[in-house]
N, C-alpha and C. Protein backbone atom coordinates (compact mmCIF):
# COMPACT_ATOMS: atom_id res chain seq x y z
N MET A 1 80.10 96.69 37.92
CA MET A 1 78.56 95.60 38.24
C MET A 1 79.08 94.63 38.59
N ASP A 2 77.59 93.86 39.36
CA ASP A 2 77.91 92.83 40.14
C ASP A 2 76.58 91.69 39.43
N THR A 3 76.99 90.85 39.81
CA THR A 3 75.43 89.61 39.48
C THR A 3 75.35 88.63 40.51
N GLN A 4 74.57 88.07 40.14
CA GLN A 4 74.78 86.15 40.92
C GLN A 4 74.45 85.34 39.71
N ALA A 5 74.55 84.78 39.29
CA ALA A 5 74.56 83.92 37.49
C ALA A 5 73.00 83.35 37.53
N GLN A 6 73.02 82.64 38.80
CA GLN A 6 71.50 81.16 39.10
C GLN A 6 69.93 83.50 39.18
N LEU A 7 70.36 83.65 39.58
CA LEU A 7 69.47 85.04 39.89
C LEU A 7 69.24 85.84 38.54
N SER A 8 70.23 86.00 38.12
CA SER A 8 70.06 86.67 36.12
C SER A 8 69.30 85.66 35.25
N HIS A 9 70.22 84.65 35.43
CA HIS A 9 68.85 83.50 34.87
C HIS A 9 68.01 83.61 35.13
N ASP A 10 67.29 83.40 36.48
CA ASP A 10 65.89 83.59 37.06
C ASP A 10 65.29 84.44 36.98
N LEU A 11 65.77 85.63 36.68
CA LEU A 11 65.51 86.90 36.23
C LEU A 11 65.11 87.38 34.93
N SER A 12 65.96 86.70 33.99
CA SER A 12 65.96 86.46 31.88
C SER A 12 64.80 85.61 32.01
N ASN A 13 63.93 84.45 32.60
CA ASN A 13 63.10 83.21 32.27
C ASN A 13 62.16 83.50 33.26
N GLN A 14 61.85 84.76 33.87
CA GLN A 14 61.01 85.38 34.64
C GLN A 14 60.18 84.05 35.67
N VAL A 15 61.81 83.57 36.53
CA VAL A 15 61.18 83.02 37.44
C VAL A 15 61.81 83.59 38.39
N ALA A 16 62.03 84.44 38.88
CA ALA A 16 61.85 85.68 39.55
C ALA A 16 61.74 87.00 39.24
N THR A 17 61.19 87.73 40.18
CA THR A 17 60.80 88.89 39.82
C THR A 17 61.38 90.15 40.09
N GLU A 18 62.25 90.07 41.15
CA GLU A 18 62.72 90.84 42.30
C GLU A 18 64.46 90.36 42.56
N ILE A 19 65.27 91.81 42.86
CA ILE A 19 66.13 91.31 43.81
C ILE A 19 66.28 90.87 44.85
N PRO A 20 66.17 89.95 44.90
CA PRO A 20 66.07 89.34 47.05
C PRO A 20 66.35 90.69 47.59
N PHE A 21 66.20 90.80 49.20
CA PHE A 21 66.81 91.30 50.27
C PHE A 21 68.16 90.64 50.44
N ASN A 22 68.47 89.77 50.59
CA ASN A 22 69.52 88.63 50.79
C ASN A 22 69.90 88.20 49.52
N TYR A 23 69.56 89.21 48.48
CA TYR A 23 71.27 89.17 47.09
C TYR A 23 73.07 89.41 47.86
N VAL A 24 73.49 88.21 46.92
CA VAL A 24 74.87 88.24 47.47
C VAL A 24 75.50 87.56 46.10
N PRO A 25 75.93 88.80 44.92
CA PRO A 25 76.34 87.94 44.40
C PRO A 25 77.71 87.35 44.47
N HIS A 26 78.38 86.96 42.48
CA HIS A 26 78.82 86.60 42.85
C HIS A 26 80.59 86.39 41.55
N LEU A 27 79.81 87.25 40.63
CA LEU A 27 81.00 88.09 40.11
C LEU A 27 80.58 89.25 39.60
N PHE A 28 81.66 89.71 39.32
CA PHE A 28 82.02 91.75 39.60
C PHE A 28 82.88 91.56 38.18
N PHE A 29 82.13 93.33 37.64
CA PHE A 29 82.70 92.94 36.16
C PHE A 29 82.92 95.00 35.79
N ILE A 30 83.78 95.45 35.21
CA ILE A 30 84.41 97.15 34.62
C ILE A 30 83.87 96.69 33.47
N ASN A 31 83.13 97.93 33.34
CA ASN A 31 82.43 97.81 31.54
C ASN A 31 82.44 96.33 31.18
N GLY A 32 81.90 95.25 31.79
CA GLY A 32 81.94 94.36 31.16
C GLY A 32 82.97 93.32 31.61
N TYR A 33 83.62 93.67 32.34
CA TYR A 33 85.25 92.95 31.98
C TYR A 33 85.33 92.10 33.51
N ALA A 34 85.57 90.93 34.21
CA ALA A 34 86.43 90.80 35.09
C ALA A 34 87.88 91.26 35.37
N PHE A 35 88.41 91.48 36.17
CA PHE A 35 89.97 91.47 35.84
C PHE A 35 90.46 89.48 36.03
N PRO A 36 91.57 89.18 35.35
CA PRO A 36 92.63 90.04 33.95
C PRO A 36 91.79 90.46 33.14
N GLN A 37 90.74 90.05 32.67
CA GLN A 37 90.36 90.25 31.08
C GLN A 37 90.41 92.10 31.10
N ILE A 38 89.88 92.27 31.96
CA ILE A 38 90.35 94.07 32.68
C ILE A 38 91.77 94.61 31.39
N LEU A 39 92.34 93.88 31.77
CA LEU A 39 93.53 94.85 31.12
C LEU A 39 93.91 94.98 29.55
N ASP A 40 93.21 94.40 29.31
CA ASP A 40 93.01 94.27 28.03
C ASP A 40 92.35 95.49 26.75
N ASP A 41 91.61 96.15 28.09
CA ASP A 41 90.09 96.97 27.45
C ASP A 41 90.76 97.96 28.15
N PRO A 42 91.57 99.08 26.25
CA PRO A 42 91.76 100.30 27.13
C PRO A 42 90.62 101.45 27.35
N ASN A 43 89.29 100.91 27.23
CA ASN A 43 88.84 102.19 28.20
C ASN A 43 88.57 101.48 29.36
N THR A 44 89.88 100.62 30.11
CA THR A 44 88.57 100.37 32.04
C THR A 44 90.14 100.55 32.30
N ALA A 45 91.40 99.97 31.76
CA ALA A 45 92.45 99.77 31.87
C ALA A 45 93.69 100.82 31.89
N ILE A 46 93.20 102.01 32.00
CA ILE A 46 93.89 104.07 31.13
C ILE A 46 94.81 103.69 31.37
N GLU A 47 95.27 104.70 29.94
CA GLU A 47 96.68 104.64 29.94
C GLU A 47 96.25 106.41 30.28
N VAL A 48 97.58 107.16 30.49
CA VAL A 48 97.41 108.89 30.70
C VAL A 48 98.60 109.64 30.98
N GLN A 49 98.61 110.81 30.57
CA GLN A 49 99.81 111.59 30.18
C GLN A 49 99.94 112.00 31.58
N LEU A 50 101.43 111.90 31.85
CA LEU A 50 101.80 112.48 32.84
C LEU A 50 101.40 113.68 33.19
N ASN A 51 100.46 114.73 33.66
CA ASN A 51 100.46 115.99 34.43
C ASN A 51 98.97 116.78 32.95
N GLN A 52 98.90 115.76 32.50
CA GLN A 52 97.46 115.87 31.71
C GLN A 52 96.06 115.41 32.46
N PRO A 53 95.53 116.45 32.99
CA PRO A 53 94.39 115.93 33.26
C PRO A 53 93.21 114.96 32.62
N VAL A 54 92.74 114.44 33.06
CA VAL A 54 91.44 113.25 33.11
C VAL A 54 90.43 113.34 33.29
N VAL A 55 89.37 112.90 32.83
CA VAL A 55 87.88 113.93 32.68
C VAL A 55 87.04 112.05 32.61
N ILE A 56 86.92 111.86 34.03
CA ILE A 56 86.69 109.50 34.38
C ILE A 56 85.10 109.34 34.37
N ALA A 57 83.95 108.93 33.31
CA ALA A 57 82.61 108.11 33.98
C ALA A 57 82.69 106.92 34.64
N VAL A 58 82.18 107.60 35.77
CA VAL A 58 81.66 105.84 36.04
C VAL A 58 80.36 106.06 36.63
N ALA A 59 80.03 104.44 35.98
CA ALA A 59 78.12 104.17 36.28
C ALA A 59 78.38 102.90 37.16
N ASN A 60 77.31 102.61 38.53
CA ASN A 60 76.78 101.65 39.13
C ASN A 60 76.12 101.42 38.48
N SER A 61 75.74 100.15 37.46
CA SER A 61 74.86 99.65 37.27
C SER A 61 74.45 98.53 37.55
N GLY A 62 75.38 97.93 38.81
CA GLY A 62 75.17 96.67 39.78
C GLY A 62 73.63 96.85 40.23
N ASN A 63 73.94 96.15 41.17
CA ASN A 63 73.19 95.98 41.63
C ASN A 63 72.48 95.89 44.08
N MET A 64 74.16 96.18 43.94
CA MET A 64 74.49 96.68 45.53
C MET A 64 75.34 97.81 45.52
N ASP A 65 76.37 98.71 46.05
CA ASP A 65 77.49 100.10 46.29
C ASP A 65 78.02 99.52 46.50
N HIS A 66 79.65 99.94 46.15
CA HIS A 66 80.37 100.01 46.06
C HIS A 66 81.29 101.05 45.83
N MET A 67 82.58 100.47 46.70
CA MET A 67 83.62 101.62 47.40
C MET A 67 84.67 102.10 46.36
N LEU A 68 84.84 102.41 45.72
CA LEU A 68 85.59 103.22 44.92
C LEU A 68 86.75 103.59 45.37
N HIS A 69 88.27 102.51 45.57
CA HIS A 69 89.49 103.50 45.68
C HIS A 69 90.89 103.35 44.89
N TRP A 70 91.70 104.21 44.73
CA TRP A 70 91.97 104.85 44.05
C TRP A 70 93.38 105.19 44.64
N HIS A 71 94.57 104.12 43.76
CA HIS A 71 95.84 104.57 44.14
C HIS A 71 97.06 105.46 44.03
N GLY A 72 97.26 105.86 44.79
CA GLY A 72 98.54 106.96 43.88
C GLY A 72 97.91 107.92 44.31
N PHE A 73 96.12 108.36 43.63
CA PHE A 73 95.84 109.67 44.00
C PHE A 73 94.29 109.80 44.48
N HIS A 74 94.38 111.49 44.38
CA HIS A 74 93.33 111.80 44.79
C HIS A 74 91.96 112.06 43.73
N VAL A 75 91.20 111.64 43.14
CA VAL A 75 90.29 112.07 42.33
C VAL A 75 88.90 113.56 42.70
N GLU A 76 88.85 114.41 42.18
CA GLU A 76 87.70 115.46 42.46
C GLU A 76 86.30 114.65 41.42
N ILE A 77 85.64 114.87 42.42
CA ILE A 77 83.93 114.17 42.09
C ILE A 77 82.82 115.31 41.26
N LEU A 78 83.26 115.86 40.18
CA LEU A 78 82.76 116.55 39.97
C LEU A 78 81.27 116.77 39.47
N TYR A 79 80.32 115.66 39.81
CA TYR A 79 79.55 115.13 39.61
C TYR A 79 78.56 114.23 40.26
N SER A 80 77.43 113.96 40.94
CA SER A 80 77.22 112.24 41.63
C SER A 80 75.57 112.78 41.39
N ALA A 81 74.92 111.80 40.14
CA ALA A 81 73.47 111.95 40.14
C ALA A 81 72.90 111.57 41.35
N TYR A 82 73.10 111.10 41.99
CA TYR A 82 72.07 110.41 43.95
C TYR A 82 73.05 111.05 45.20
N GLN A 83 74.42 111.64 44.79
CA GLN A 83 75.26 112.20 45.98
C GLN A 83 75.41 113.48 45.70
N PRO A 84 74.39 114.57 45.42
CA PRO A 84 75.34 115.65 45.19
C PRO A 84 75.90 116.65 46.13
N GLU A 85 75.91 116.09 47.45
CA GLU A 85 76.62 116.98 48.43
C GLU A 85 78.38 116.20 48.73
N ARG A 86 78.77 115.14 47.93
CA ARG A 86 79.69 115.07 47.53
C ARG A 86 80.89 115.37 46.67
N ILE A 87 80.07 116.43 45.43
CA ILE A 87 80.22 117.27 44.56
C ILE A 87 81.29 117.94 45.41
N GLY A 88 82.75 118.22 44.47
CA GLY A 88 83.91 118.70 45.40
C GLY A 88 84.67 118.10 45.96
N TRP A 89 83.93 116.91 46.12
CA TRP A 89 84.95 115.95 47.46
C TRP A 89 86.49 115.74 46.46
N ILE A 90 87.00 115.67 46.70
CA ILE A 90 88.66 115.29 46.69
C ILE A 90 90.00 114.60 47.57
N LYS A 91 88.82 113.11 47.39
CA LYS A 91 89.26 111.70 47.92
C LYS A 91 90.20 110.47 47.16
N ASP A 92 90.40 109.65 47.74
CA ASP A 92 90.98 108.47 47.51
C ASP A 92 90.36 106.98 47.11
N THR A 93 88.78 107.18 47.74
CA THR A 93 88.08 106.07 48.31
C THR A 93 86.57 106.78 48.75
N PHE A 94 85.63 106.42 48.09
CA PHE A 94 84.89 107.29 48.51
C PHE A 94 82.95 105.58 47.70
N PRO A 95 81.92 106.10 48.29
CA PRO A 95 80.89 104.82 47.71
C PRO A 95 80.44 105.49 46.05
N VAL A 96 79.56 104.84 45.93
CA VAL A 96 79.47 104.93 44.03
C VAL A 96 78.15 103.61 45.04
N LYS A 97 77.39 104.62 44.69
CA LYS A 97 75.09 104.17 44.97
C LYS A 97 75.11 103.26 44.38
N LYS A 98 74.40 102.34 43.65
CA LYS A 98 73.72 101.34 43.14
C LYS A 98 73.24 102.49 42.66
N GLY A 99 73.18 102.31 40.82
CA GLY A 99 72.70 103.04 40.11
C GLY A 99 73.28 104.30 39.91
N ASP A 100 73.77 105.08 40.61
CA ASP A 100 74.28 106.39 40.57
C ASP A 100 75.80 106.57 39.26
N THR A 101 75.83 107.52 38.73
CA THR A 101 76.11 108.28 37.58
C THR A 101 77.20 109.18 38.51
N MET A 102 78.98 108.65 37.87
CA MET A 102 79.51 109.88 38.84
C MET A 102 80.23 110.69 37.09
N ILE A 103 81.42 112.03 37.57
CA ILE A 103 81.74 112.45 36.31
C ILE A 103 83.45 112.57 37.89
N LEU A 104 84.15 112.27 37.28
CA LEU A 104 85.35 112.08 38.37
C LEU A 104 86.88 113.13 37.26
N HIS A 105 87.62 113.87 38.28
CA HIS A 105 88.48 114.34 37.73
C HIS A 105 89.86 114.60 38.32
N LEU A 106 91.24 113.50 37.58
CA LEU A 106 92.06 113.07 37.63
C LEU A 106 93.17 113.74 36.84
N ILE A 107 94.08 113.97 37.90
CA ILE A 107 95.35 115.02 37.09
C ILE A 107 96.12 113.85 37.77
N PRO A 108 97.03 113.51 36.87
CA PRO A 108 97.90 112.17 37.27
C PRO A 108 99.29 112.37 37.49
N ASP A 109 99.49 112.91 37.69
CA ASP A 109 101.32 113.61 39.02
C ASP A 109 102.26 112.82 38.76
N GLN A 110 102.16 111.78 38.61
CA GLN A 110 103.23 110.67 39.04
C GLN A 110 103.26 109.87 38.15
N LEU A 111 104.16 109.10 37.82
CA LEU A 111 104.65 108.71 36.96
C LEU A 111 104.42 106.43 37.61
N GLY A 112 103.86 105.96 36.50
CA GLY A 112 104.12 104.10 37.33
C GLY A 112 102.48 103.95 36.71
N ILE A 113 102.22 102.78 37.35
CA ILE A 113 101.09 101.87 37.68
C ILE A 113 100.52 102.06 38.76
N TYR A 114 99.54 101.89 38.63
CA TYR A 114 98.00 102.14 39.94
C TYR A 114 96.97 100.99 39.64
N PRO A 115 96.88 100.82 41.37
CA PRO A 115 95.75 99.99 41.27
C PRO A 115 94.37 100.96 41.43
N VAL A 116 93.49 100.31 40.85
CA VAL A 116 91.67 101.09 40.88
C VAL A 116 91.20 99.51 41.13
N HIS A 117 90.47 100.01 42.59
CA HIS A 117 89.60 99.13 42.61
C HIS A 117 88.12 99.23 43.27
N ASP A 118 87.92 98.11 43.84
CA ASP A 118 86.48 98.60 44.28
C ASP A 118 87.35 98.48 46.25
N HIS A 119 86.93 98.70 47.01
CA HIS A 119 87.18 98.62 48.36
C HIS A 119 86.59 97.34 49.07
N ASN A 120 85.95 96.79 48.81
CA ASN A 120 84.64 95.64 49.63
C ASN A 120 85.89 94.26 49.07
N LEU A 121 86.69 93.68 50.14
CA LEU A 121 86.87 92.78 49.87
C LEU A 121 86.52 91.44 48.57
N VAL A 122 84.74 91.31 48.39
CA VAL A 122 84.58 89.66 47.99
C VAL A 122 84.39 90.76 46.87
N THR A 123 84.10 91.78 46.04
CA THR A 123 84.21 92.35 45.15
C THR A 123 85.82 91.80 43.83
N VAL A 124 87.05 91.93 44.45
CA VAL A 124 88.10 92.09 43.53
C VAL A 124 87.78 90.07 43.81
N THR A 125 87.21 89.80 43.69
CA THR A 125 87.45 87.94 43.16
C THR A 125 86.24 87.67 42.62
N ASN A 126 86.12 86.29 41.75
CA ASN A 126 84.88 86.01 40.99
C ASN A 126 84.84 84.72 41.04
N LEU A 127 83.41 84.27 41.99
CA LEU A 127 83.71 83.02 42.54
C LEU A 127 84.65 82.89 43.14
N GLY A 128 84.13 83.50 44.46
CA GLY A 128 85.26 83.65 45.23
C GLY A 128 87.10 83.57 44.79
N ILE A 129 87.48 83.49 43.73
CA ILE A 129 88.85 83.68 43.57
C ILE A 129 89.52 84.58 43.51
N TYR A 130 90.51 85.04 44.13
CA TYR A 130 90.58 86.34 43.86
C TYR A 130 92.76 86.10 43.24
N PRO A 131 92.99 87.33 42.89
CA PRO A 131 92.42 88.38 42.16
C PRO A 131 91.14 88.21 41.18
N GLY A 132 90.62 89.05 41.23
CA GLY A 132 89.36 88.85 40.19
C GLY A 132 88.82 89.89 39.85
N GLY A 133 87.55 90.12 40.02
CA GLY A 133 86.30 90.90 39.39
C GLY A 133 86.91 92.67 39.40
N MET A 134 86.59 93.80 40.16
CA MET A 134 86.72 94.78 39.65
C MET A 134 87.76 95.69 40.40
N LEU A 135 89.42 95.05 39.23
CA LEU A 135 90.29 95.40 39.50
C LEU A 135 91.13 95.81 38.64
N THR A 136 91.07 97.10 38.50
CA THR A 136 91.99 97.56 37.08
C THR A 136 93.04 98.72 37.78
N ARG A 137 93.53 99.05 36.74
CA ARG A 137 94.84 100.34 36.83
C ARG A 137 94.65 101.08 35.82
N VAL A 138 94.91 101.82 36.59
CA VAL A 138 95.65 103.60 35.56
C VAL A 138 97.18 103.55 35.34
N THR A 139 97.77 103.63 34.20
CA THR A 139 99.09 104.25 33.77
C THR A 139 99.46 105.77 33.62
N VAL A 140 100.41 105.72 34.52
CA VAL A 140 101.25 106.78 34.03
C VAL A 140 102.17 106.90 33.33
N VAL A 141 102.20 107.85 32.17
CA VAL A 141 103.26 107.45 31.25
C VAL A 141 103.80 109.40 30.55
N GLU A 142 105.11 109.20 30.59
CA GLU A 142 105.54 110.75 29.34
C GLU A 142 105.17 111.24 28.15
């Protein structure tokens, strides 16, 4: 999710009624957490067993498109509400459109800790400070 604090405040107080064309968010979250707090959430910084397939649900509830990037793995897109032409893709980077939901299939075939993040540099910051925002990890254990 992405947000612009003042705009969110204005929308909640009905000072603004829509997302402007020149929307530039300053805060970025996964499951309501920003890095490094993400690392304390087991639903966001996930731990998986070696060679045990995992199904991961992704929903972009923000106001901009995001480019999800997986280090160490390619994931298969099993479902996309807005991009059905991408079903069956096996990639390490792909767009998650604003409002889209996706189901992904990951086969963790190597031990280690692997970053997962948005490939848009501004989204791995919060208020311009790096690292932050949409940056998490997959830990593969035996």
